[in-house]
Amino acid sequence: MFSNEGSQSLKAILARREERSILINHLLDQYGISVISIKLNIPGAIKNNPMLIELFDTSIAALKAVLKTSSKMIDEYNQRDLSTGPEYHGVICSLSPKEIKKRTIHFEETTSFGRLLDVDVIDPITYRSISRTELGYAMRKCYLCDQEAKVCARAQSHPIKDLYKEIEKIIKEM
């Protein structure tokens, strides 16, 4: 499922991160309410392929269904299938940023594929993302061990092919 085709450079990934930040700030300025920014949590340089797009489409539909039961979402930018990975951006009314984040964490932890999503909820007052730890939740765990994911990622503790195998397993179980 993961081949080097469509591999992205670090420069392209970092440039997209900056563009995403500008987009989020624009949405915050324009609407003055919580912004949700979703992408896939896939390590390595392969960020987009048909399997990942299908995963993302399924995940977004499921998460939007959960959030729409108690809030109003304005799909300002909807989904973008970019070479650096699919993204979704929207603004949410009717819930506080912390409540939105709690619900997205619950979604991540109770669906088989939720851990493959990176869901940022940005507070319209502070312009910063609500973290899991400020709400009393533990940091995300590595796909392969019990360490915090950030620790393993920084140390490059696991071969990328092993991480891809685990991600493929999660996707097949959907």
C-alpha atoms as a PDB file:
ATOM      1  CA  MET A   1       0.000   0.000   0.000  1.00  0.00           C
ATOM      2  CA  PHE A   2       2.904   2.325   0.648  1.00  0.00           C
ATOM      3  CA  SER A   3       5.320   2.802  -2.205  1.00  0.00           C
ATOM      4  CA  ASN A   4       7.772   5.598  -2.840  1.00  0.00           C
ATOM      5  CA  GLU A   5       5.466   6.964  -5.524  1.00  0.00           C
ATOM      6  CA  GLY A   6       4.069  10.278  -4.338  1.00  0.00           C
ATOM      7  CA  SER A   7       6.770  10.699  -1.727  1.00  0.00           C
ATOM      8  CA  GLN A   8       6.996  14.281  -0.441  1.00  0.00           C
ATOM      9  CA  SER A   9      10.056  16.248   0.528  1.00  0.00           C
ATOM     10  CA  LEU A  10      10.423  17.716   3.990  1.00  0.00           C
ATOM     11  CA  LYS A  11      10.519  21.142   2.331  1.00  0.00           C
ATOM     12  CA  ALA A  12       7.086  20.575   0.732  1.00  0.00           C
ATOM     13  CA  ILE A  13       5.600  19.263   3.984  1.00  0.00           C
ATOM     14  CA  LEU A  14       6.911  22.247   5.965  1.00  0.00           C
ATOM     15  CA  ALA A  15       5.720  24.711   3.305  1.00  0.00           C
ATOM     16  CA  ARG A  16       2.228  23.192   3.504  1.00  0.00           C
ATOM     17  CA  ARG A  17       2.303  23.488   7.297  1.00  0.00           C
ATOM     18  CA  GLU A  18       2.933  27.227   6.922  1.00  0.00           C
ATOM     19  CA  GLU A  19       0.137  27.555   4.317  1.00  0.00           C
ATOM     20  CA  ARG A  20      -2.227  25.664   6.634  1.00  0.00           C
ATOM     21  CA  SER A  21      -1.397  28.041   9.491  1.00  0.00           C
ATOM     22  CA  ILE A  22      -2.224  31.049   7.293  1.00  0.00           C
ATOM     23  CA  LEU A  23      -5.509  29.425   6.230  1.00  0.00           C
ATOM     24  CA  ILE A  24      -6.493  28.679   9.828  1.00  0.00           C
ATOM     25  CA  ASN A  25      -5.724  32.243  10.907  1.00  0.00           C
ATOM     26  CA  HIS A  26      -7.832  33.522   7.996  1.00  0.00           C
ATOM     27  CA  LEU A  27     -10.786  31.378   9.129  1.00  0.00           C
ATOM     28  CA  LEU A  28     -10.380  32.565  12.722  1.00  0.00           C
ATOM     29  CA  ASP A  29     -10.282  36.199  11.572  1.00  0.00           C
ATOM     30  CA  GLN A  30     -13.238  35.778   9.240  1.00  0.00           C
ATOM     31  CA  TYR A  31     -15.602  33.843  11.518  1.00  0.00           C
ATOM     32  CA  GLY A  32     -14.361  34.407  15.073  1.00  0.00           C
ATOM     33  CA  ILE A  33     -15.380  30.868  16.098  1.00  0.00           C
ATOM     34  CA  SER A  34     -13.600  27.548  16.591  1.00  0.00           C
ATOM     35  CA  VAL A  35     -11.733  26.106  13.636  1.00  0.00           C
ATOM     36  CA  ILE A  36     -11.185  22.396  13.119  1.00  0.00           C
ATOM     37  CA  SER A  37      -8.256  21.290  10.988  1.00  0.00           C
ATOM     38  CA  ILE A  38      -7.910  17.604  10.146  1.00  0.00           C
ATOM     39  CA  LYS A  39      -5.186  15.704   8.379  1.00  0.00           C
ATOM     40  CA  LEU A  40      -3.815  12.195   8.518  1.00  0.00           C
ATOM     41  CA  ASN A  41      -1.267  11.165  11.115  1.00  0.00           C
ATOM     42  CA  ILE A  42       1.029   9.245   8.771  1.00  0.00           C
ATOM     43  CA  PRO A  43       4.769   9.183   9.452  1.00  0.00           C
ATOM     44  CA  GLY A  44       7.341   9.375   6.694  1.00  0.00           C
ATOM     45  CA  ALA A  45       7.322  10.983   3.282  1.00  0.00           C
ATOM     46  CA  ILE A  46       4.310   9.189   1.754  1.00  0.00           C
ATOM     47  CA  LYS A  47       1.337  11.399   2.508  1.00  0.00           C
ATOM     48  CA  ASN A  48      -1.177  10.692  -0.236  1.00  0.00           C
ATOM     49  CA  ASN A  49      -2.320   7.709  -2.271  1.00  0.00           C
ATOM     50  CA  PRO A  50      -5.730   6.196  -3.132  1.00  0.00           C
ATOM     51  CA  MET A  51      -5.810   4.119   0.069  1.00  0.00           C
ATOM     52  CA  LEU A  52      -5.109   7.178   2.239  1.00  0.00           C
ATOM     53  CA  ILE A  53      -7.720   9.266   0.417  1.00  0.00           C
ATOM     54  CA  GLU A  54     -10.336   6.552   1.008  1.00  0.00           C
ATOM     55  CA  LEU A  55      -9.342   6.375   4.679  1.00  0.00           C
ATOM     56  CA  PHE A  56      -9.597  10.139   4.966  1.00  0.00           C
ATOM     57  CA  ASP A  57     -12.998  10.315   3.234  1.00  0.00           C
ATOM     58  CA  THR A  58     -14.392   7.624   5.548  1.00  0.00           C
ATOM     59  CA  SER A  59     -12.905   9.260   8.637  1.00  0.00           C
ATOM     60  CA  ILE A  60     -14.167  12.745   7.799  1.00  0.00           C
ATOM     61  CA  ALA A  61     -17.691  11.496   7.100  1.00  0.00           C
ATOM     62  CA  ALA A  62     -17.785   9.628  10.416  1.00  0.00           C
ATOM     63  CA  LEU A  63     -16.339  12.501  12.439  1.00  0.00           C
ATOM     64  CA  LYS A  64     -18.623  15.076  10.827  1.00  0.00           C
ATOM     65  CA  ALA A  65     -21.627  12.880  11.646  1.00  0.00           C
ATOM     66  CA  VAL A  66     -20.555  12.793  15.309  1.00  0.00           C
ATOM     67  CA  LEU A  67     -19.982  16.549  15.489  1.00  0.00           C
ATOM     68  CA  LYS A  68     -23.131  17.516  13.592  1.00  0.00           C
ATOM     69  CA  THR A  69     -25.335  15.800  16.162  1.00  0.00           C
ATOM     70  CA  SER A  70     -24.709  18.630  18.603  1.00  0.00           C
ATOM     71  CA  SER A  71     -23.202  21.519  16.702  1.00  0.00           C
ATOM     72  CA  LYS A  72     -23.345  23.419  13.480  1.00  0.00           C
ATOM     73  CA  MET A  73     -20.412  23.013  11.128  1.00  0.00           C
ATOM     74  CA  ILE A  74     -19.766  25.443   8.331  1.00  0.00           C
ATOM     75  CA  ASP A  75     -17.796  23.642   5.639  1.00  0.00           C
ATOM     76  CA  GLU A  76     -15.855  26.701   4.576  1.00  0.00           C
ATOM     77  CA  TYR A  77     -13.043  24.854   2.885  1.00  0.00           C
ATOM     78  CA  ASN A  78     -14.138  21.235   2.938  1.00  0.00           C
ATOM     79  CA  GLN A  79     -11.634  18.621   1.923  1.00  0.00           C
ATOM     80  CA  ARG A  80      -8.527  19.151  -0.138  1.00  0.00           C
ATOM     81  CA  ASP A  81      -6.602  16.264  -1.639  1.00  0.00           C
ATOM     82  CA  LEU A  82      -3.092  17.659  -1.735  1.00  0.00           C
ATOM     83  CA  SER A  83       0.155  15.928  -2.612  1.00  0.00           C
ATOM     84  CA  THR A  84       1.233  16.549   0.992  1.00  0.00           C
ATOM     85  CA  GLY A  85      -1.861  14.699   2.205  1.00  0.00           C
ATOM     86  CA  PRO A  86      -5.597  15.235   2.362  1.00  0.00           C
ATOM     87  CA  GLU A  87      -6.889  17.973   4.650  1.00  0.00           C
ATOM     88  CA  TYR A  88     -10.213  19.210   5.940  1.00  0.00           C
ATOM     89  CA  HIS A  89     -10.883  22.634   7.431  1.00  0.00           C
ATOM     90  CA  GLY A  90     -14.117  23.938   8.861  1.00  0.00           C
ATOM     91  CA  VAL A  91     -15.536  26.223  11.492  1.00  0.00           C
ATOM     92  CA  ILE A  92     -17.842  25.054  14.254  1.00  0.00           C
ATOM     93  CA  CYS A  93     -20.587  26.956  16.070  1.00  0.00           C
ATOM     94  CA  SER A  94     -22.475  25.993  19.210  1.00  0.00           C
ATOM     95  CA  LEU A  95     -19.673  24.245  21.120  1.00  0.00           C
ATOM     96  CA  SER A  96     -16.669  25.552  22.999  1.00  0.00           C
ATOM     97  CA  PRO A  97     -13.239  24.662  21.590  1.00  0.00           C
ATOM     98  CA  LYS A  98     -12.557  22.429  24.594  1.00  0.00           C
ATOM     99  CA  GLU A  99     -15.834  20.554  24.140  1.00  0.00           C
ATOM    100  CA  ILE A 100     -15.086  20.041  20.450  1.00  0.00           C
ATOM    101  CA  LYS A 101     -11.622  18.725  21.319  1.00  0.00           C
ATOM    102  CA  LYS A 102     -13.064  16.337  23.933  1.00  0.00           C
ATOM    103  CA  ARG A 103     -15.421  14.930  21.313  1.00  0.00           C
ATOM    104  CA  THR A 104     -12.694  14.545  18.712  1.00  0.00           C
ATOM    105  CA  ILE A 105     -10.460  12.780  21.260  1.00  0.00           C
ATOM    106  CA  HIS A 106     -13.337  10.440  22.094  1.00  0.00           C
ATOM    107  CA  PHE A 107     -13.721   9.741  18.366  1.00  0.00           C
ATOM    108  CA  GLU A 108      -9.978   9.093  17.991  1.00  0.00           C
ATOM    109  CA  GLU A 109      -9.999   6.690  20.929  1.00  0.00           C
ATOM    110  CA  THR A 110     -13.193   4.770  20.145  1.00  0.00           C
ATOM    111  CA  THR A 111     -12.852   4.110  16.422  1.00  0.00           C
ATOM    112  CA  SER A 112     -10.335   1.707  14.940  1.00  0.00           C
ATOM    113  CA  PHE A 113      -9.073   4.352  12.513  1.00  0.00           C
ATOM    114  CA  GLY A 114      -9.369   7.436  14.727  1.00  0.00           C
ATOM    115  CA  ARG A 115      -5.759   7.239  15.789  1.00  0.00           C
ATOM    116  CA  LEU A 116      -4.752   7.786  12.154  1.00  0.00           C
ATOM    117  CA  LEU A 117      -6.289  11.272  12.247  1.00  0.00           C
ATOM    118  CA  ASP A 118      -4.620  14.438  13.421  1.00  0.00           C
ATOM    119  CA  VAL A 119      -7.461  16.687  14.561  1.00  0.00           C
ATOM    120  CA  ASP A 120      -6.574  20.183  15.666  1.00  0.00           C
ATOM    121  CA  VAL A 121      -9.192  22.392  17.293  1.00  0.00           C
ATOM    122  CA  ILE A 122      -8.120  26.016  17.332  1.00  0.00           C
ATOM    123  CA  ASP A 123      -9.486  28.406  19.926  1.00  0.00           C
ATOM    124  CA  PRO A 124     -10.757  31.663  18.371  1.00  0.00           C
ATOM    125  CA  ILE A 125      -9.640  33.713  21.383  1.00  0.00           C
ATOM    126  CA  THR A 126      -6.060  32.459  21.794  1.00  0.00           C
ATOM    127  CA  TYR A 127      -5.459  31.329  18.182  1.00  0.00           C
ATOM    128  CA  ARG A 128      -3.819  28.183  19.482  1.00  0.00           C
ATOM    129  CA  SER A 129      -4.668  24.519  19.260  1.00  0.00           C
ATOM    130  CA  ILE A 130      -6.262  22.852  22.267  1.00  0.00           C
ATOM    131  CA  SER A 131      -3.957  20.062  23.447  1.00  0.00           C
ATOM    132  CA  ARG A 132      -4.928  16.667  24.789  1.00  0.00           C
ATOM    133  CA  THR A 133      -2.898  17.240  27.958  1.00  0.00           C
ATOM    134  CA  GLU A 134      -4.589  20.516  28.894  1.00  0.00           C
ATOM    135  CA  LEU A 135      -7.845  18.546  29.011  1.00  0.00           C
ATOM    136  CA  GLY A 136      -6.322  15.815  31.175  1.00  0.00           C
ATOM    137  CA  TYR A 137      -5.771  13.233  28.433  1.00  0.00           C
ATOM    138  CA  ALA A 138      -2.520  11.357  27.905  1.00  0.00           C
ATOM    139  CA  MET A 139      -0.266  12.089  24.963  1.00  0.00           C
ATOM    140  CA  ARG A 140      -0.776   9.865  21.943  1.00  0.00           C
ATOM    141  CA  LYS A 141       0.983   6.511  22.029  1.00  0.00           C
ATOM    142  CA  CYS A 142       3.280   5.207  19.325  1.00  0.00           C
ATOM    143  CA  TYR A 143       1.721   2.859  16.776  1.00  0.00           C
ATOM    144  CA  LEU A 144       4.208   0.137  17.762  1.00  0.00           C
ATOM    145  CA  CYS A 145       5.074   0.548  21.449  1.00  0.00           C
ATOM    146  CA  ASP A 146       3.867   2.175  24.660  1.00  0.00           C
ATOM    147  CA  GLN A 147       6.081   5.265  24.362  1.00  0.00           C
ATOM    148  CA  GLU A 148       4.621   8.659  23.555  1.00  0.00           C
ATOM    149  CA  ALA A 149       4.395   8.975  19.781  1.00  0.00           C
ATOM    150  CA  LYS A 150       6.416  12.203  19.741  1.00  0.00           C
ATOM    151  CA  VAL A 151       9.292  10.535  21.599  1.00  0.00           C
ATOM    152  CA  CYS A 152       9.488   7.667  19.106  1.00  0.00           C
ATOM    153  CA  ALA A 153       9.100  10.016  16.141  1.00  0.00           C
ATOM    154  CA  ARG A 154      11.914  12.308  17.259  1.00  0.00           C
ATOM    155  CA  ALA A 155      14.226   9.402  18.022  1.00  0.00           C
ATOM    156  CA  GLN A 156      13.136   7.529  14.871  1.00  0.00           C
ATOM    157  CA  SER A 157      12.827   4.489  17.114  1.00  0.00           C
ATOM    158  CA  HIS A 158      11.121   2.259  14.555  1.00  0.00           C
ATOM    159  CA  PRO A 159      11.768   1.473  10.889  1.00  0.00           C
ATOM    160  CA  ILE A 160       9.264   3.272   8.674  1.00  0.00           C
ATOM    161  CA  LYS A 161       8.300  -0.012   6.994  1.00  0.00           C
ATOM    162  CA  ASP A 162       7.160  -1.359  10.402  1.00  0.00           C
ATOM    163  CA  LEU A 163       5.057   1.750  10.994  1.00  0.00           C
ATOM    164  CA  TYR A 164       3.512   1.409   7.524  1.00  0.00           C
ATOM    165  CA  LYS A 165       2.671  -2.256   8.214  1.00  0.00           C
ATOM    166  CA  GLU A 166       0.828  -1.267  11.397  1.00  0.00           C
ATOM    167  CA  ILE A 167      -1.048   1.516   9.598  1.00  0.00           C
ATOM    168  CA  GLU A 168      -2.046  -0.918   6.826  1.00  0.00           C
ATOM    169  CA  LYS A 169      -3.319  -3.322   9.502  1.00  0.00           C
ATOM    170  CA  ILE A 170      -5.448  -0.576  11.081  1.00  0.00           C
ATOM    171  CA  ILE A 171      -6.879   0.397   7.681  1.00  0.00           C
ATOM    172  CA  LYS A 172      -7.718  -3.230   6.799  1.00  0.00           C
ATOM    173  CA  GLU A 173      -9.646  -3.550  10.084  1.00  0.00           C
ATOM    174  CA  MET A 174     -11.912  -0.611   9.199  1.00  0.00           C
END
